[in-house]
Amino acid sequence: HCVVWERVWHRCDVSIEGDDEARLARRFKLFQLLVAAPQNTPDSIGAKSLSGYGYRGHIFWDTEIFMLPYLIYTYPQTARNMLLYRYHGLAGARRKAEGNGFSGAQFPWESAGTGDEVTPRWVPDFRDPTKLVRIWTGDIQIHITADIAYAIMQYWRVTGDDDFLRDYGAEMILDGARFWAARAEPEEGPDGDRVYSIRDVIGPDEYHDHIDNNAFTNYIARWQLETGLGVYKWLQANYPAAAGDRGDRLRLTPEALAQWKDVAKGIRFIYDRDTGLIDQFEGFFNLERVDPALFQAADRSLQVIFGIEGANERQVLKQADVIMLLCLFRDEFDARTWQTNWDAYMPITDHRFGSSLGPAFHAWAACEVDRPEEAYTHFMLAARADLRNPRGNAEDGIHAASTGGVWQAAAFGFAGLRHSAEGGSVRPWLPRHWRRLAFQYAYHGQNYAVDIQRGEGGEYRVTHAAI
């Protein structure tokens, strides 16, 4: 047992020197993720891992956006198993799309054995358990379809697993693109041109529902449409038989592909090019502002303080939304856009009592705007989510999303790891008291080691090499 675990940690641990609590919390997080990961069969990880009955064991976007990147870079075969779970649920995603009147595949917000939607529609009110509250996420939190596509492409780019993309991944991406082409609504733009809106949704920030043109949703939907066109061309060029099969079964006619291009070109993304400000959704900045002092003084969730409708009517966020968009597509936005949106959204986010999903991405984002000390505060909020129980809900089970999130904060944030066709790079932003950050990862079958050490004068000594 000890020998096996030593081998596991050698392969996929993150070494932190100068901070015993961070080191312990980080290993606890990664342990919880590793013991729940399906190593031998196509399966996935629920939002509470194997540790409790919260969310009834259901699978959310937590898996693809938060947990999967760690496994993609350390245990790619396990990551492949988790993506195969989504492929085996494709029939359920198609049933959901058809039931809502759309073509293609609409992946469920909460998934279980069959891949059908299992989100409860009603739950007891947190203030008065004798009353019921309508849960809308299963109906209108639709960005998960593109989140899964994002994970598929991340897996393919990191592993180079062409067989998976040909046999499984491409079909999920293409059928998801069909959904977005049907879901986007054509409208007349301000100049009389045709634009497309995605209305009546919930974005990653779940304090606001029934909103229009959520920036995260629209941007990642456009990305999936454009990616679908690229993947189909890749199939045609490299695997014409597979391309013909997908094209026939999914009715990828020239007219359908032309519509994808039209929707991708015209989808609304509310972005001020002069300031770099991205509107979280249409009308967000017309909502009532909240006294900044309340964010520091609150001893419970701001949604509990204001009520569900009250939070919906105010400029207060449950978790990263635009900030998460910037992280996932970090090199598509310039430094001004990063800084402007950090300044706009960080102060109005319910960091302490909102979602456990947010702090890890806020830690990553803080590094991108050169705030490593602030990044550390968010990193530890994520790392302590279970050991310290800051939200008072540990009895529901492990906060599984933050298990993978802390790895992303360390690798993509503090280490600044990037990988592209030109190769990998590291740009460190370590907290002042960290003396060393080191980890290993795999890219296209080659193992690499990153070792960042801080000298007495604060200078970095960085080793990033194949091993």
Protein backbone atom coordinates (compact mmCIF):
# COMPACT_ATOMS: atom_id res chain seq x y z
CA HIS A 1 0.00 0.00 0.00
CA CYS A 2 2.71 2.47 0.99
CA VAL A 3 4.83 1.60 -2.01
CA VAL A 4 1.92 2.13 -4.39
CA TRP A 5 0.99 5.48 -2.85
CA GLU A 6 4.61 6.61 -2.97
CA ARG A 7 4.59 5.85 -6.69
CA VAL A 8 1.34 7.78 -7.13
CA TRP A 9 2.61 10.85 -5.28
CA HIS A 10 5.87 10.83 -7.19
CA ARG A 11 3.89 11.02 -10.39
CA CYS A 12 1.22 13.57 -9.55
CA ASP A 13 1.90 15.41 -6.30
CA VAL A 14 2.42 19.15 -5.99
CA SER A 15 5.29 19.98 -3.66
CA ILE A 16 5.00 23.23 -1.67
CA GLU A 17 7.81 24.31 0.65
CA GLY A 18 7.44 27.10 3.17
CA ASP A 19 3.78 26.47 4.04
CA ASP A 20 2.88 23.34 5.99
CA GLU A 21 -0.87 24.01 5.98
CA ALA A 22 -0.99 24.52 2.21
CA ARG A 23 1.03 21.34 1.70
CA LEU A 24 -1.27 19.26 3.90
CA ALA A 25 -4.48 20.72 2.46
CA ARG A 26 -3.28 20.31 -1.10
CA ARG A 27 -2.40 16.64 -0.62
CA PHE A 28 -5.71 15.99 1.14
CA LYS A 29 -7.51 17.49 -1.87
CA LEU A 30 -5.58 15.49 -4.44
CA PHE A 31 -6.03 12.29 -2.41
CA GLN A 32 -9.81 12.76 -2.44
CA LEU A 33 -9.78 13.22 -6.20
CA LEU A 34 -7.51 10.27 -6.91
CA VAL A 35 -9.47 7.76 -4.81
CA ALA A 36 -12.70 8.69 -6.59
CA ALA A 37 -11.31 8.65 -10.14
CA PRO A 38 -12.45 5.73 -12.36
CA GLN A 39 -9.16 4.09 -13.28
CA ASN A 40 -10.46 1.04 -15.12
CA THR A 41 -13.96 1.70 -16.44
CA PRO A 42 -15.86 4.53 -18.20
CA ASP A 43 -17.33 6.44 -15.30
CA SER A 44 -17.10 9.83 -13.63
CA ILE A 45 -16.92 11.66 -10.29
CA GLY A 46 -19.90 13.18 -8.53
CA ALA A 47 -19.90 16.65 -7.05
CA LYS A 48 -19.29 15.17 -3.58
CA SER A 49 -16.81 12.52 -4.68
CA LEU A 50 -17.25 9.22 -2.80
CA SER A 51 -17.59 10.96 0.53
CA GLY A 52 -21.23 11.86 1.13
CA TYR A 53 -24.81 11.97 -0.08
CA GLY A 54 -24.85 15.63 -1.14
CA TYR A 55 -26.33 16.07 -4.63
CA ARG A 56 -27.21 12.34 -4.61
CA GLY A 57 -23.99 11.40 -6.35
CA HIS A 58 -24.90 13.35 -9.49
CA ILE A 59 -22.32 14.51 -12.04
CA PHE A 60 -22.09 18.25 -12.79
CA TRP A 61 -19.83 20.54 -14.85
CA ASP A 62 -17.58 20.38 -11.77
CA THR A 63 -16.10 17.24 -13.31
CA GLU A 64 -15.04 18.62 -16.69
CA ILE A 65 -14.03 22.17 -15.75
CA PHE A 66 -12.59 21.66 -12.27
CA MET A 67 -11.47 18.05 -11.76
CA LEU A 68 -10.58 16.75 -15.19
CA PRO A 69 -7.60 19.03 -16.03
CA TYR A 70 -5.55 17.55 -13.17
CA LEU A 71 -6.17 14.02 -14.45
CA ILE A 72 -5.60 15.01 -18.08
CA TYR A 73 -2.10 16.16 -17.15
CA THR A 74 -1.28 13.32 -14.73
CA TYR A 75 -3.49 10.27 -15.42
CA PRO A 76 -4.75 10.72 -19.00
CA GLN A 77 -6.22 7.20 -19.21
CA THR A 78 -8.43 7.99 -16.22
CA ALA A 79 -9.44 11.28 -17.84
CA ARG A 80 -10.34 9.33 -20.97
CA ASN A 81 -12.60 7.06 -18.90
CA MET A 82 -14.41 10.09 -17.53
CA LEU A 83 -14.97 11.52 -21.00
CA LEU A 84 -16.25 8.14 -22.16
CA TYR A 85 -18.88 8.42 -19.44
CA ARG A 86 -20.20 11.48 -21.28
CA TYR A 87 -20.09 9.63 -24.59
CA HIS A 88 -22.18 6.79 -23.16
CA GLY A 89 -24.64 9.43 -21.96
CA LEU A 90 -24.98 10.97 -25.40
CA ALA A 91 -28.36 9.33 -25.99
CA GLY A 92 -29.68 11.01 -22.83
CA ALA A 93 -28.31 14.37 -24.00
CA ARG A 94 -30.11 13.91 -27.31
CA ARG A 95 -33.32 13.07 -25.51
CA LYS A 96 -33.03 16.25 -23.48
CA ALA A 97 -32.47 18.40 -26.57
CA GLU A 98 -35.40 16.79 -28.37
CA GLY A 99 -37.64 17.20 -25.33
CA ASN A 100 -36.84 20.91 -25.29
CA GLY A 101 -37.53 21.26 -29.01
CA PHE A 102 -33.94 21.44 -30.25
CA SER A 103 -31.74 19.34 -32.48
CA GLY A 104 -28.39 17.94 -31.41
CA ALA A 105 -27.29 17.01 -27.91
CA GLN A 106 -28.00 19.08 -24.78
CA PHE A 107 -26.07 17.57 -21.89
CA PRO A 108 -27.89 17.50 -18.54
CA TRP A 109 -26.99 19.83 -15.70
CA GLU A 110 -27.09 16.86 -13.31
CA SER A 111 -26.35 13.43 -14.72
CA ALA A 112 -26.47 9.92 -13.27
CA GLY A 113 -26.43 6.47 -14.87
CA THR A 114 -28.15 7.03 -18.22
CA GLY A 115 -27.07 10.56 -19.08
CA ASP A 116 -30.60 11.90 -18.74
CA GLU A 117 -31.43 15.05 -16.78
CA VAL A 118 -31.90 14.27 -13.08
CA THR A 119 -31.86 17.74 -11.53
CA PRO A 120 -34.68 17.98 -8.96
CA ARG A 121 -37.24 20.62 -9.92
CA TRP A 122 -38.22 21.45 -6.34
CA VAL A 123 -36.29 21.46 -3.05
CA PRO A 124 -37.18 22.70 0.45
CA ASP A 125 -36.61 26.41 1.03
CA PHE A 126 -33.46 27.05 3.11
CA ARG A 127 -35.39 29.54 5.27
CA ASP A 128 -38.66 27.63 5.65
CA PRO A 129 -38.47 23.86 4.98
CA THR A 130 -42.28 23.68 4.79
CA LYS A 131 -42.08 25.59 1.50
CA LEU A 132 -40.60 24.49 -1.81
CA VAL A 133 -38.26 26.40 -4.11
CA ARG A 134 -38.20 25.88 -7.87
CA ILE A 135 -34.78 24.79 -9.13
CA TRP A 136 -34.13 26.10 -12.64
CA THR A 137 -30.61 24.82 -13.27
CA GLY A 138 -31.78 21.64 -15.01
CA ASP A 139 -33.90 23.71 -17.37
CA ILE A 140 -31.74 26.71 -18.23
CA GLN A 141 -28.14 26.30 -17.03
CA ILE A 142 -27.03 25.15 -20.42
CA HIS A 143 -23.36 26.06 -20.67
CA ILE A 144 -22.45 22.53 -19.57
CA THR A 145 -22.78 21.28 -23.16
CA ALA A 146 -19.89 23.49 -24.20
CA ASP A 147 -17.99 22.81 -20.96
CA ILE A 148 -17.83 19.15 -21.94
CA ALA A 149 -16.62 20.06 -25.42
CA TYR A 150 -13.94 22.25 -23.84
CA ALA A 151 -12.74 19.30 -21.74
CA ILE A 152 -12.65 17.02 -24.78
CA MET A 153 -10.46 19.46 -26.69
CA GLN A 154 -8.22 20.03 -23.69
CA TYR A 155 -7.75 16.27 -23.38
CA TRP A 156 -6.96 15.91 -27.07
CA ARG A 157 -4.49 18.80 -27.17
CA VAL A 158 -2.62 17.56 -24.10
CA THR A 159 -2.57 13.84 -24.99
CA GLY A 160 -2.66 13.82 -28.80
CA ASP A 161 -5.17 10.95 -28.60
CA ASP A 162 -6.48 11.09 -32.16
CA ASP A 163 -8.34 7.79 -31.79
CA PHE A 164 -10.48 9.21 -29.00
CA LEU A 165 -11.34 12.36 -30.92
CA ARG A 166 -12.18 10.35 -34.05
CA ASP A 167 -14.26 7.66 -32.37
CA TYR A 168 -15.92 9.55 -29.51
CA GLY A 169 -14.99 13.17 -28.94
CA ALA A 170 -15.85 14.56 -32.36
CA GLU A 171 -19.40 13.23 -32.20
CA MET A 172 -20.04 14.91 -28.84
CA ILE A 173 -18.61 18.22 -30.06
CA LEU A 174 -20.51 18.15 -33.34
CA ASP A 175 -23.85 17.19 -31.82
CA GLY A 176 -23.40 19.86 -29.14
CA ALA A 177 -22.76 22.42 -31.88
CA ARG A 178 -26.04 21.40 -33.49
CA PHE A 179 -27.76 22.21 -30.21
CA TRP A 180 -26.21 25.68 -30.00
CA ALA A 181 -27.14 26.47 -33.59
CA ALA A 182 -30.75 25.62 -32.74
CA ARG A 183 -30.77 27.29 -29.30
CA ALA A 184 -29.47 30.69 -30.41
CA GLU A 185 -32.26 33.08 -31.39
CA PRO A 186 -31.91 35.24 -34.54
CA GLU A 187 -32.66 38.92 -33.97
CA GLU A 188 -32.19 42.22 -35.73
CA GLY A 189 -29.08 44.03 -34.61
CA PRO A 190 -28.69 47.79 -34.03
CA ASP A 191 -27.48 48.31 -37.60
CA GLY A 192 -30.18 46.16 -39.15
CA ASP A 193 -27.86 43.15 -39.37
CA ARG A 194 -28.71 39.72 -38.04
CA VAL A 195 -27.42 38.83 -34.58
CA TYR A 196 -28.07 35.90 -32.28
CA SER A 197 -29.05 35.91 -28.61
CA ILE A 198 -29.17 33.12 -26.06
CA ARG A 199 -31.94 34.14 -23.70
CA ASP A 200 -33.42 32.82 -20.45
CA VAL A 201 -30.35 31.10 -19.01
CA ILE A 202 -28.32 30.75 -15.84
CA GLY A 203 -24.59 31.38 -16.14
CA PRO A 204 -21.88 30.10 -13.79
CA ASP A 205 -22.97 32.77 -11.29
CA GLU A 206 -26.09 31.09 -9.96
CA TYR A 207 -27.33 34.10 -7.96
CA HIS A 208 -28.94 35.29 -11.21
CA ASP A 209 -31.45 33.25 -13.19
CA HIS A 210 -33.61 33.86 -16.27
CA ILE A 211 -31.00 36.21 -17.70
CA ASP A 212 -30.16 37.01 -21.31
CA ASN A 213 -26.86 36.81 -23.16
CA ASN A 214 -24.63 35.63 -20.34
CA ALA A 215 -21.08 36.37 -21.45
CA PHE A 216 -19.66 32.98 -20.40
CA THR A 217 -22.47 31.02 -22.05
CA ASN A 218 -22.44 32.96 -25.30
CA TYR A 219 -18.65 32.99 -25.63
CA ILE A 220 -18.19 29.27 -25.00
CA ALA A 221 -21.17 28.45 -27.27
CA ARG A 222 -19.53 30.43 -30.06
CA TRP A 223 -16.28 28.64 -29.34
CA GLN A 224 -18.01 25.25 -29.67
CA LEU A 225 -19.58 26.18 -32.99
CA GLU A 226 -16.22 27.30 -34.36
CA THR A 227 -14.47 24.28 -32.85
CA GLY A 228 -17.08 21.96 -34.34
CA LEU A 229 -16.37 23.35 -37.80
CA GLY A 230 -12.66 22.81 -37.24
CA VAL A 231 -13.08 19.27 -35.90
CA TYR A 232 -15.25 18.31 -38.87
CA LYS A 233 -12.58 19.57 -41.27
CA TRP A 234 -9.98 17.61 -39.30
CA LEU A 235 -12.07 14.46 -39.68
CA GLN A 236 -12.52 15.05 -43.39
CA ALA A 237 -8.79 15.53 -43.89
CA ASN A 238 -7.55 12.67 -41.71
CA TYR A 239 -10.41 10.18 -41.37
CA PRO A 240 -12.78 10.61 -44.33
CA ALA A 241 -14.79 7.48 -43.52
CA ALA A 242 -15.46 8.72 -39.98
CA ALA A 243 -16.31 12.16 -41.35
CA GLY A 244 -18.78 10.64 -43.78
CA ASP A 245 -20.40 8.60 -41.03
CA ARG A 246 -20.76 11.60 -38.67
CA GLY A 247 -21.90 13.83 -41.49
CA ASP A 248 -24.65 11.44 -42.53
CA ARG A 249 -25.90 10.61 -39.04
CA LEU A 250 -25.82 14.18 -37.74
CA ARG A 251 -27.06 15.72 -41.02
CA LEU A 252 -24.06 18.00 -41.40
CA THR A 253 -25.13 19.43 -44.71
CA PRO A 254 -23.42 22.46 -46.27
CA GLU A 255 -26.49 24.49 -45.26
CA ALA A 256 -26.21 23.36 -41.63
CA LEU A 257 -22.52 24.19 -41.47
CA ALA A 258 -23.16 27.58 -43.04
CA GLN A 259 -25.69 28.25 -40.29
CA TRP A 260 -23.08 27.39 -37.66
CA LYS A 261 -20.79 30.00 -39.16
CA ASP A 262 -23.59 32.54 -39.24
CA VAL A 263 -24.52 31.96 -35.60
CA ALA A 264 -20.90 32.00 -34.44
CA LYS A 265 -20.29 35.27 -36.27
CA GLY A 266 -23.43 36.94 -34.97
CA ILE A 267 -23.74 35.67 -31.39
CA ARG A 268 -23.94 38.54 -28.91
CA PHE A 269 -21.04 39.24 -26.58
CA ILE A 270 -21.41 42.50 -24.68
CA TYR A 271 -17.87 43.87 -24.55
CA ASP A 272 -16.73 47.49 -24.36
CA ARG A 273 -13.64 47.67 -26.55
CA ASP A 274 -12.66 51.06 -25.13
CA THR A 275 -12.52 49.91 -21.50
CA GLY A 276 -12.28 46.12 -21.84
CA LEU A 277 -15.35 45.62 -19.63
CA ILE A 278 -17.42 42.50 -20.31
CA ASP A 279 -21.03 42.62 -19.15
CA GLN A 280 -21.73 39.44 -17.22
CA PHE A 281 -25.14 39.47 -18.86
CA GLU A 282 -27.44 41.91 -20.56
CA GLY A 283 -28.47 44.55 -18.01
CA PHE A 284 -26.18 43.38 -15.20
CA PHE A 285 -24.87 46.85 -14.44
CA ASN A 286 -28.41 48.23 -14.22
CA LEU A 287 -29.04 46.12 -11.12
CA GLU A 288 -28.91 47.58 -7.62
CA ARG A 289 -25.42 47.95 -6.18
CA VAL A 290 -24.57 46.45 -2.78
CA ASP A 291 -22.77 48.29 0.00
CA PRO A 292 -19.12 47.07 -0.20
CA ALA A 293 -18.97 46.88 3.59
CA LEU A 294 -21.57 44.12 3.57
CA PHE A 295 -19.23 41.75 1.74
CA GLN A 296 -16.77 41.98 4.64
CA ALA A 297 -19.33 41.99 7.44
CA ALA A 298 -21.62 39.18 6.23
CA ASP A 299 -21.60 36.01 8.32
CA ARG A 300 -23.60 33.95 5.84
CA SER A 301 -24.36 33.75 2.14
CA LEU A 302 -25.55 36.99 0.59
CA GLN A 303 -28.30 34.99 -1.10
CA VAL A 304 -29.51 34.00 2.36
CA ILE A 305 -29.32 37.64 3.48
CA PHE A 306 -31.16 39.07 0.47
CA GLY A 307 -33.26 36.03 -0.42
CA ILE A 308 -33.23 34.32 -3.81
CA GLU A 309 -35.10 37.12 -5.61
CA GLY A 310 -33.23 39.82 -3.71
CA ALA A 311 -29.84 38.50 -4.82
CA ASN A 312 -31.20 38.17 -8.36
CA GLU A 313 -31.91 41.90 -8.38
CA ARG A 314 -28.49 43.02 -7.13
CA GLN A 315 -24.91 43.22 -8.32
CA VAL A 316 -23.63 40.33 -6.25
CA LEU A 317 -22.02 37.12 -7.54
CA LYS A 318 -22.02 33.62 -6.14
CA GLN A 319 -18.79 32.63 -7.91
CA ALA A 320 -16.52 33.36 -10.84
CA ASP A 321 -18.36 33.98 -14.12
CA VAL A 322 -16.60 36.49 -16.37
CA ILE A 323 -13.41 35.80 -14.39
CA MET A 324 -13.74 32.09 -15.17
CA LEU A 325 -14.21 32.91 -18.84
CA LEU A 326 -10.94 34.86 -18.79
CA CYS A 327 -9.12 31.92 -17.19
CA LEU A 328 -10.39 29.28 -19.61
CA PHE A 329 -9.54 31.47 -22.61
CA ARG A 330 -6.73 33.39 -20.95
CA ASP A 331 -4.66 34.16 -24.03
CA GLU A 332 -7.63 35.50 -25.99
CA PHE A 333 -7.93 38.59 -23.77
CA ASP A 334 -5.39 41.37 -23.30
CA ALA A 335 -4.00 42.68 -20.01
CA ARG A 336 -6.38 45.65 -19.94
CA THR A 337 -9.42 43.37 -20.25
CA TRP A 338 -8.09 41.18 -17.47
CA GLN A 339 -7.51 44.12 -15.14
CA THR A 340 -10.78 45.90 -15.93
CA ASN A 341 -12.89 42.84 -15.22
CA TRP A 342 -10.90 41.90 -12.14
CA ASP A 343 -11.62 45.38 -10.76
CA ALA A 344 -15.30 45.11 -11.69
CA TYR A 345 -16.20 41.63 -10.46
CA MET A 346 -13.82 40.60 -7.68
CA PRO A 347 -15.16 43.12 -5.12
CA ILE A 348 -18.79 42.04 -5.64
CA THR A 349 -18.29 38.28 -5.37
CA ASP A 350 -19.47 36.33 -2.31
CA HIS A 351 -16.10 34.67 -1.80
CA ARG A 352 -16.55 33.33 1.72
CA PHE A 353 -20.11 32.00 1.64
CA GLY A 354 -20.91 31.70 -2.04
CA SER A 355 -19.74 28.66 -3.96
CA SER A 356 -16.71 26.50 -3.14
CA LEU A 357 -16.09 26.43 -6.90
CA GLY A 358 -15.01 30.06 -7.04
CA PRO A 359 -11.86 30.49 -4.92
CA ALA A 360 -9.55 28.26 -6.99
CA PHE A 361 -10.31 30.16 -10.19
CA HIS A 362 -9.99 33.47 -8.35
CA ALA A 363 -6.53 32.33 -7.19
CA TRP A 364 -5.58 31.55 -10.77
CA ALA A 365 -6.96 34.89 -11.99
CA ALA A 366 -5.15 36.84 -9.26
CA CYS A 367 -1.86 35.45 -10.56
CA GLU A 368 -2.74 36.59 -14.09
CA VAL A 369 -3.07 40.18 -12.83
CA ASP A 370 0.13 39.89 -10.78
CA ARG A 371 -1.42 39.65 -7.30
CA PRO A 372 0.18 36.50 -5.85
CA GLU A 373 -0.57 37.42 -2.23
CA GLU A 374 -4.25 37.89 -3.01
CA ALA A 375 -4.08 34.66 -5.02
CA TYR A 376 -2.83 32.89 -1.92
CA THR A 377 -5.84 34.05 0.09
CA HIS A 378 -8.21 32.56 -2.48
CA PHE A 379 -6.07 29.44 -2.84
CA MET A 380 -6.29 28.73 0.88
CA LEU A 381 -10.05 29.36 0.88
CA ALA A 382 -10.29 26.58 -1.71
CA ALA A 383 -7.79 24.35 0.06
CA ARG A 384 -9.57 24.69 3.43
CA ALA A 385 -13.03 24.00 2.00
CA ASP A 386 -13.18 20.59 3.71
CA LEU A 387 -10.47 20.51 6.37
CA ARG A 388 -11.70 23.73 8.00
CA ASN A 389 -15.36 23.56 6.89
CA PRO A 390 -15.70 27.34 6.38
CA ARG A 391 -19.16 27.01 4.78
CA GLY A 392 -20.52 24.69 7.45
CA ASN A 393 -21.65 21.99 5.02
CA ALA A 394 -18.94 19.33 5.28
CA GLU A 395 -21.53 16.73 6.28
CA ASP A 396 -22.74 16.71 2.67
CA GLY A 397 -19.37 15.41 1.49
CA ILE A 398 -16.13 16.61 -0.06
CA HIS A 399 -16.22 19.71 -2.28
CA ALA A 400 -14.88 17.73 -5.21
CA ALA A 401 -14.60 20.67 -7.61
CA SER A 402 -12.10 22.40 -5.38
CA THR A 403 -9.93 19.25 -5.31
CA GLY A 404 -9.02 19.76 -8.94
CA GLY A 405 -9.29 23.52 -8.67
CA VAL A 406 -6.38 23.77 -6.26
CA TRP A 407 -4.17 21.92 -8.77
CA GLN A 408 -5.16 24.35 -11.52
CA ALA A 409 -4.49 27.29 -9.22
CA ALA A 410 -1.02 25.89 -8.49
CA ALA A 411 -0.10 24.78 -12.03
CA PHE A 412 -1.81 27.39 -14.23
CA GLY A 413 -1.81 30.20 -11.68
CA PHE A 414 1.23 30.20 -9.37
CA ALA A 415 3.46 28.35 -11.85
CA GLY A 416 1.93 30.01 -14.93
CA LEU A 417 2.11 26.78 -16.94
CA ARG A 418 1.12 27.10 -20.58
CA HIS A 419 1.31 24.64 -23.45
CA SER A 420 0.84 25.21 -27.14
CA ALA A 421 2.02 23.81 -30.44
CA GLU A 422 5.24 25.78 -29.92
CA GLY A 423 5.94 24.08 -26.60
CA GLY A 424 5.51 24.65 -22.90
CA SER A 425 6.39 27.63 -20.74
CA VAL A 426 6.34 28.61 -17.08
CA ARG A 427 5.90 32.09 -15.59
CA PRO A 428 5.90 31.95 -11.78
CA TRP A 429 3.97 34.14 -9.35
CA LEU A 430 4.65 32.62 -5.92
CA PRO A 431 3.42 34.00 -2.59
CA ARG A 432 6.28 35.63 -0.66
CA HIS A 433 6.56 32.87 1.94
CA TRP A 434 6.62 29.96 -0.51
CA ARG A 435 10.19 28.80 -1.05
CA ARG A 436 9.43 26.14 -3.66
CA LEU A 437 6.67 24.84 -5.92
CA ALA A 438 7.28 21.65 -7.90
CA PHE A 439 5.16 19.16 -9.83
CA GLN A 440 5.20 16.78 -12.79
CA TYR A 441 2.85 16.45 -15.72
CA ALA A 442 2.58 14.64 -19.06
CA TYR A 443 2.17 16.18 -22.49
CA HIS A 444 1.83 14.08 -25.66
CA GLY A 445 3.26 11.05 -23.86
CA GLN A 446 6.33 12.87 -22.53
CA ASN A 447 6.74 13.54 -18.81
CA TYR A 448 7.91 16.96 -17.66
CA ALA A 449 9.04 18.35 -14.32
CA VAL A 450 8.51 21.91 -13.12
CA ASP A 451 10.60 23.10 -10.18
CA ILE A 452 10.34 26.73 -9.09
CA GLN A 453 12.53 27.89 -6.22
CA ARG A 454 12.76 31.34 -4.68
CA GLY A 455 16.18 32.65 -3.76
CA GLU A 456 17.05 34.76 -0.72
CA GLY A 457 16.70 37.92 -2.78
CA GLY A 458 13.28 36.94 -4.11
CA GLU A 459 14.58 35.87 -7.51
CA TYR A 460 13.22 32.71 -9.14
CA ARG A 461 15.24 29.69 -10.18
CA VAL A 462 13.10 27.72 -12.61
CA THR A 463 13.63 24.25 -14.01
CA HIS A 464 11.15 23.06 -16.65
CA ALA A 465 12.37 20.04 -18.55
CA ALA A 466 11.46 16.63 -19.95
CA ILE A 467 12.26 13.72 -17.64
